């Protein structure tokens, strides 16, 4: 039996990537576009405006707030109209830092809305489209949804109450969603990055960066967004990976602070 990648016949495949204007989403969009996939990058308009002139060819940006369910559905429908939607990757997220005493319920709710509800919105919209498509192989495989959790889902640090709760929710959603969508031939996996050189880390000092890297057993450095993108491709290539949250952290286990 030959194994069929969802990215085979890439030119005849569309993919949706959220948070596509920077960081993990930008690297994933670039990787997919380079492979020939028709990529639809979702992000806020302000983010898209900063990169629209420098982004790789093959990425069509759609200004979309992932907390807006109707807008997400419309963007996903646009992607599916171009070619069968085989891949959806959710990278949009925020990472506020606030300890519980003094933490506002509004900030907590906003973090969950973007990181968890936004992920669900994209998952639901993509799955609805994928479920109606023809399968690509004898197993009945129709599509893959890759979400982004975090090592904070397992070792939330001080000041990460909202972020850890939201990413813990993404992790918990993974196996349930994979089971829900199994009958439709749709796989669901999550990637839980450790420390990555994304815009979220752009403001840290060199001293703090070195301290973070010293915590990583091997390789003793921060991850690159391209390594996340490479893992997305591996998930698309291997049809037996399903319902998993995969840590991408160099064996890092985060301390309390």
Protein backbone atom coordinates (compact mmCIF):
# COMPACT_ATOMS: atom_id res chain seq x y z
CA UNK A 1 0.00 0.00 0.00
CA UNK A 2 1.45 3.37 -0.99
CA UNK A 3 1.17 6.27 1.46
CA UNK A 4 -0.49 9.37 0.03
CA UNK A 5 0.45 12.83 1.29
CA UNK A 6 -2.24 15.47 1.43
CA UNK A 7 0.20 17.76 -0.36
CA UNK A 8 0.60 15.49 -3.38
CA UNK A 9 -0.60 17.32 -6.49
CA UNK A 10 0.11 20.54 -4.57
CA UNK A 11 -1.08 22.86 -7.33
CA UNK A 12 -4.54 21.33 -7.01
CA UNK A 13 -4.69 21.85 -3.25
CA UNK A 14 -5.62 24.85 -1.14
CA UNK A 15 -4.61 25.56 2.46
CA UNK A 16 -5.73 28.07 5.06
CA UNK A 17 -3.19 29.44 7.54
CA UNK A 18 -4.15 31.88 10.30
CA UNK A 19 -1.70 34.32 11.81
CA UNK A 20 -0.09 34.23 8.37
CA UNK A 21 1.49 37.67 8.43
CA UNK A 22 4.22 36.82 10.94
CA UNK A 23 6.01 34.15 12.94
CA UNK A 24 4.82 30.57 12.72
CA UNK A 25 2.02 31.39 10.30
CA UNK A 26 4.31 33.27 7.93
CA UNK A 27 6.85 30.45 7.87
CA UNK A 28 4.14 27.85 7.28
CA UNK A 29 2.53 29.89 4.52
CA UNK A 30 5.90 30.35 2.80
CA UNK A 31 6.70 26.64 3.02
CA UNK A 32 3.35 25.64 1.54
CA UNK A 33 3.51 28.26 -1.21
CA UNK A 34 7.01 27.12 -2.12
CA UNK A 35 5.64 23.57 -2.47
CA UNK A 36 3.04 24.86 -4.95
CA UNK A 37 0.01 24.84 -2.65
CA UNK A 38 -2.56 27.60 -3.11
CA UNK A 39 -2.21 29.34 0.25
CA UNK A 40 -4.80 31.63 1.81
CA UNK A 41 -3.27 33.56 4.68
CA UNK A 42 -5.66 34.93 7.30
CA UNK A 43 -4.59 37.73 9.63
CA UNK A 44 -5.71 41.10 10.91
CA UNK A 45 -5.63 43.88 8.35
CA UNK A 46 -2.90 45.78 10.21
CA UNK A 47 -0.60 42.76 10.09
CA UNK A 48 -1.26 42.11 6.42
CA UNK A 49 -0.53 45.74 5.53
CA UNK A 50 2.98 45.38 6.96
CA UNK A 51 3.95 42.36 4.83
CA UNK A 52 1.79 42.39 1.71
CA UNK A 53 4.60 43.85 -0.41
CA UNK A 54 7.30 41.46 0.82
CA UNK A 55 5.44 38.17 1.29
CA UNK A 56 6.40 35.22 -0.96
CA UNK A 57 4.46 34.68 -4.15
CA UNK A 58 1.60 32.24 -3.97
CA UNK A 59 0.04 33.57 -0.75
CA UNK A 60 -3.32 35.32 -0.97
CA UNK A 61 -4.05 37.29 2.18
CA UNK A 62 -7.57 37.73 3.55
CA UNK A 63 -8.11 40.19 6.40
CA UNK A 64 -9.88 38.09 9.01
CA UNK A 65 -10.43 38.23 12.76
CA UNK A 66 -10.51 34.60 13.92
CA UNK A 67 -12.97 35.48 16.68
CA UNK A 68 -15.51 36.46 13.99
CA UNK A 69 -17.14 33.16 13.06
CA UNK A 70 -18.90 34.46 9.95
CA UNK A 71 -15.71 36.09 8.63
CA UNK A 72 -13.79 32.86 9.15
CA UNK A 73 -16.44 30.87 7.29
CA UNK A 74 -16.29 33.31 4.38
CA UNK A 75 -12.48 33.15 4.17
CA UNK A 76 -12.47 29.35 4.28
CA UNK A 77 -15.12 29.23 1.56
CA UNK A 78 -12.93 31.47 -0.61
CA UNK A 79 -10.01 29.05 -0.22
CA UNK A 80 -12.16 26.01 -0.97
CA UNK A 81 -13.54 27.66 -4.11
CA UNK A 82 -10.00 27.90 -5.53
CA UNK A 83 -9.10 24.23 -4.98
CA UNK A 84 -10.00 21.40 -2.58
CA UNK A 85 -9.12 22.46 0.97
CA UNK A 86 -6.80 19.80 2.35
CA UNK A 87 -5.02 21.67 5.15
CA UNK A 88 -5.91 24.27 7.78
CA UNK A 89 -3.25 25.54 10.20
CA UNK A 90 -4.18 27.79 13.11
CA UNK A 91 -1.30 30.01 14.24
CA UNK A 92 -3.16 33.18 15.27
CA UNK A 93 -2.71 33.93 18.95
CA UNK A 94 -1.86 36.41 21.66
CA UNK A 95 0.32 36.00 24.75
CA UNK A 96 -0.46 38.48 27.54
CA UNK A 97 1.50 38.33 30.78
CA UNK A 98 -0.39 39.04 33.98
CA UNK A 99 -0.52 37.36 37.37
CA UNK A 100 -3.93 36.33 38.70
CA UNK A 101 -4.16 38.99 41.41
CA UNK A 102 -4.77 42.12 39.38
CA UNK A 103 -5.69 40.14 36.24
CA UNK A 104 -8.82 41.45 34.53
CA UNK A 105 -11.57 39.08 33.47
CA UNK A 106 -11.71 40.99 30.17
CA UNK A 107 -8.09 40.15 29.34
CA UNK A 108 -8.67 36.53 30.31
CA UNK A 109 -11.76 36.34 28.10
CA UNK A 110 -10.01 38.02 25.18
CA UNK A 111 -7.11 35.57 25.37
CA UNK A 112 -9.47 32.59 25.32
CA UNK A 113 -11.48 34.17 22.51
CA UNK A 114 -8.46 34.54 20.23
CA UNK A 115 -6.42 31.47 21.16
CA UNK A 116 -9.13 28.90 21.83
CA UNK A 117 -12.43 30.06 20.33
CA UNK A 118 -10.58 31.38 17.28
CA UNK A 119 -8.98 27.98 16.83
CA UNK A 120 -12.36 26.29 17.12
CA UNK A 121 -13.92 28.68 14.60
CA UNK A 122 -11.30 27.83 11.98
CA UNK A 123 -11.46 24.13 12.79
CA UNK A 124 -15.23 24.00 12.44
CA UNK A 125 -15.32 26.01 9.20
CA UNK A 126 -12.51 23.99 7.61
CA UNK A 127 -13.97 20.66 8.69
CA UNK A 128 -17.38 21.53 7.23
CA UNK A 129 -15.76 22.09 3.84
CA UNK A 130 -13.37 19.14 4.01
CA UNK A 131 -16.18 16.74 4.92
CA UNK A 132 -17.87 17.36 1.57
CA UNK A 133 -14.76 16.80 -0.55
CA UNK A 134 -13.67 13.65 -2.31
CA UNK A 135 -11.10 11.62 -0.36
CA UNK A 136 -7.51 11.44 -1.57
CA UNK A 137 -6.83 7.78 -0.76
CA UNK A 138 -8.36 4.38 -0.05
CA UNK A 139 -8.55 5.18 3.68
CA UNK A 140 -10.95 8.01 2.94
CA UNK A 141 -8.57 10.79 4.00
CA UNK A 142 -10.03 14.20 3.20
CA UNK A 143 -8.03 16.77 5.14
CA UNK A 144 -5.87 17.78 8.08
CA UNK A 145 -6.28 20.48 10.72
CA UNK A 146 -3.16 21.51 12.63
CA UNK A 147 -3.64 23.71 15.68
CA UNK A 148 -1.04 25.48 17.78
CA UNK A 149 -0.87 24.75 21.50
CA UNK A 150 2.22 25.54 23.60
CA UNK A 151 4.41 24.00 26.26
CA UNK A 152 2.52 26.43 28.50
CA UNK A 153 -0.41 24.02 28.19
CA UNK A 154 1.62 21.66 30.39
CA UNK A 155 3.96 23.95 32.37
CA UNK A 156 2.36 27.36 32.57
CA UNK A 157 4.68 29.87 34.16
CA UNK A 158 3.89 32.71 36.54
CA UNK A 159 1.95 35.36 34.68
CA UNK A 160 0.65 32.91 32.08
CA UNK A 161 -2.73 32.07 33.60
CA UNK A 162 -4.79 33.19 30.61
CA UNK A 163 -2.30 31.97 28.01
CA UNK A 164 -1.81 28.58 29.67
CA UNK A 165 -5.55 28.08 30.04
CA UNK A 166 -6.15 28.90 26.39
CA UNK A 167 -3.38 26.63 25.13
CA UNK A 168 -4.41 23.87 27.53
CA UNK A 169 -7.82 24.12 25.90
CA UNK A 170 -6.29 23.74 22.43
CA UNK A 171 -4.45 20.62 23.62
CA UNK A 172 -7.60 19.14 25.18
CA UNK A 173 -9.57 19.90 22.02
CA UNK A 174 -7.21 17.87 19.86
CA UNK A 175 -8.17 14.30 20.70
CA UNK A 176 -11.87 15.11 20.98
CA UNK A 177 -11.87 16.84 17.59
CA UNK A 178 -9.91 13.99 16.00
CA UNK A 179 -12.50 11.53 17.24
CA UNK A 180 -15.42 13.73 16.19
CA UNK A 181 -14.06 14.14 12.67
CA UNK A 182 -12.68 10.64 12.14
CA UNK A 183 -15.81 9.46 10.34
CA UNK A 184 -15.28 12.24 7.80
CA UNK A 185 -11.66 11.31 7.10
CA UNK A 186 -10.31 14.48 8.72
CA UNK A 187 -7.27 14.31 10.96
CA UNK A 188 -6.56 16.77 13.79
CA UNK A 189 -3.16 17.31 15.38
CA UNK A 190 -1.65 20.05 17.49
CA UNK A 191 1.90 21.34 17.76
CA UNK A 192 3.08 22.62 21.15
CA UNK A 193 6.13 24.83 20.55
CA UNK A 194 8.57 25.80 23.26
CA UNK A 195 10.52 29.03 22.80
CA UNK A 196 10.55 30.19 19.18
CA UNK A 197 12.04 33.25 17.48
CA UNK A 198 8.71 34.90 16.67
CA UNK A 199 7.55 38.51 17.07
CA UNK A 200 6.26 37.57 20.53
CA UNK A 201 9.91 37.20 21.55
CA UNK A 202 11.16 40.25 19.66
CA UNK A 203 11.17 42.55 22.67
CA UNK A 204 13.31 40.44 25.01
CA UNK A 205 16.85 41.42 25.94
CA UNK A 206 19.87 39.44 24.80
CA UNK A 207 20.51 38.48 28.42
CA UNK A 208 17.00 37.08 28.81
CA UNK A 209 17.28 35.29 25.47
CA UNK A 210 20.48 33.57 26.58
CA UNK A 211 18.84 32.57 29.86
CA UNK A 212 15.92 31.01 28.00
CA UNK A 213 18.19 29.15 25.61
CA UNK A 214 20.19 27.79 28.55
CA UNK A 215 17.02 25.99 29.71
CA UNK A 216 16.77 23.95 26.51
CA UNK A 217 18.56 20.57 26.76
CA UNK A 218 19.22 20.21 23.00
CA UNK A 219 19.62 21.89 20.66
CA UNK A 220 20.57 24.69 23.02
CA UNK A 221 18.84 27.52 21.20
CA UNK A 222 15.42 28.89 20.38
CA UNK A 223 13.46 27.11 17.68
CA UNK A 224 13.03 28.67 14.26
CA UNK A 225 9.55 29.21 12.75
CA UNK A 226 10.70 27.14 9.76
CA UNK A 227 11.04 24.13 12.07
CA UNK A 228 7.37 24.49 12.96
CA UNK A 229 6.52 24.66 9.25
CA UNK A 230 8.59 21.53 8.63
CA UNK A 231 6.58 19.70 11.28
CA UNK A 232 3.33 20.79 9.64
CA UNK A 233 4.56 19.24 6.40
CA UNK A 234 5.48 16.02 8.22
CA UNK A 235 1.95 15.83 9.62
CA UNK A 236 0.50 16.33 6.15
CA UNK A 237 2.76 13.61 4.76
CA UNK A 238 1.97 10.95 7.38
CA UNK A 239 -1.70 9.87 7.38
CA UNK A 240 -1.38 7.78 10.55
CA UNK A 241 -0.58 10.75 12.80
CA UNK A 242 -3.89 11.74 14.35
CA UNK A 243 -5.17 13.09 17.66
CA UNK A 244 -1.68 14.02 18.87
CA UNK A 245 -0.22 17.10 20.50
CA UNK A 246 3.44 17.07 19.53
CA UNK A 247 5.88 19.06 21.64
CA UNK A 248 8.47 20.93 19.60
CA UNK A 249 10.72 22.15 22.40
CA UNK A 250 14.18 20.55 22.43
CA UNK A 251 13.14 18.59 25.58
CA UNK A 252 12.45 21.85 27.44
CA UNK A 253 10.36 21.70 30.60
CA UNK A 254 9.56 25.22 31.73
CA UNK A 255 10.34 26.30 35.32
CA UNK A 256 7.85 28.32 37.40
CA UNK A 257 9.29 31.63 36.19
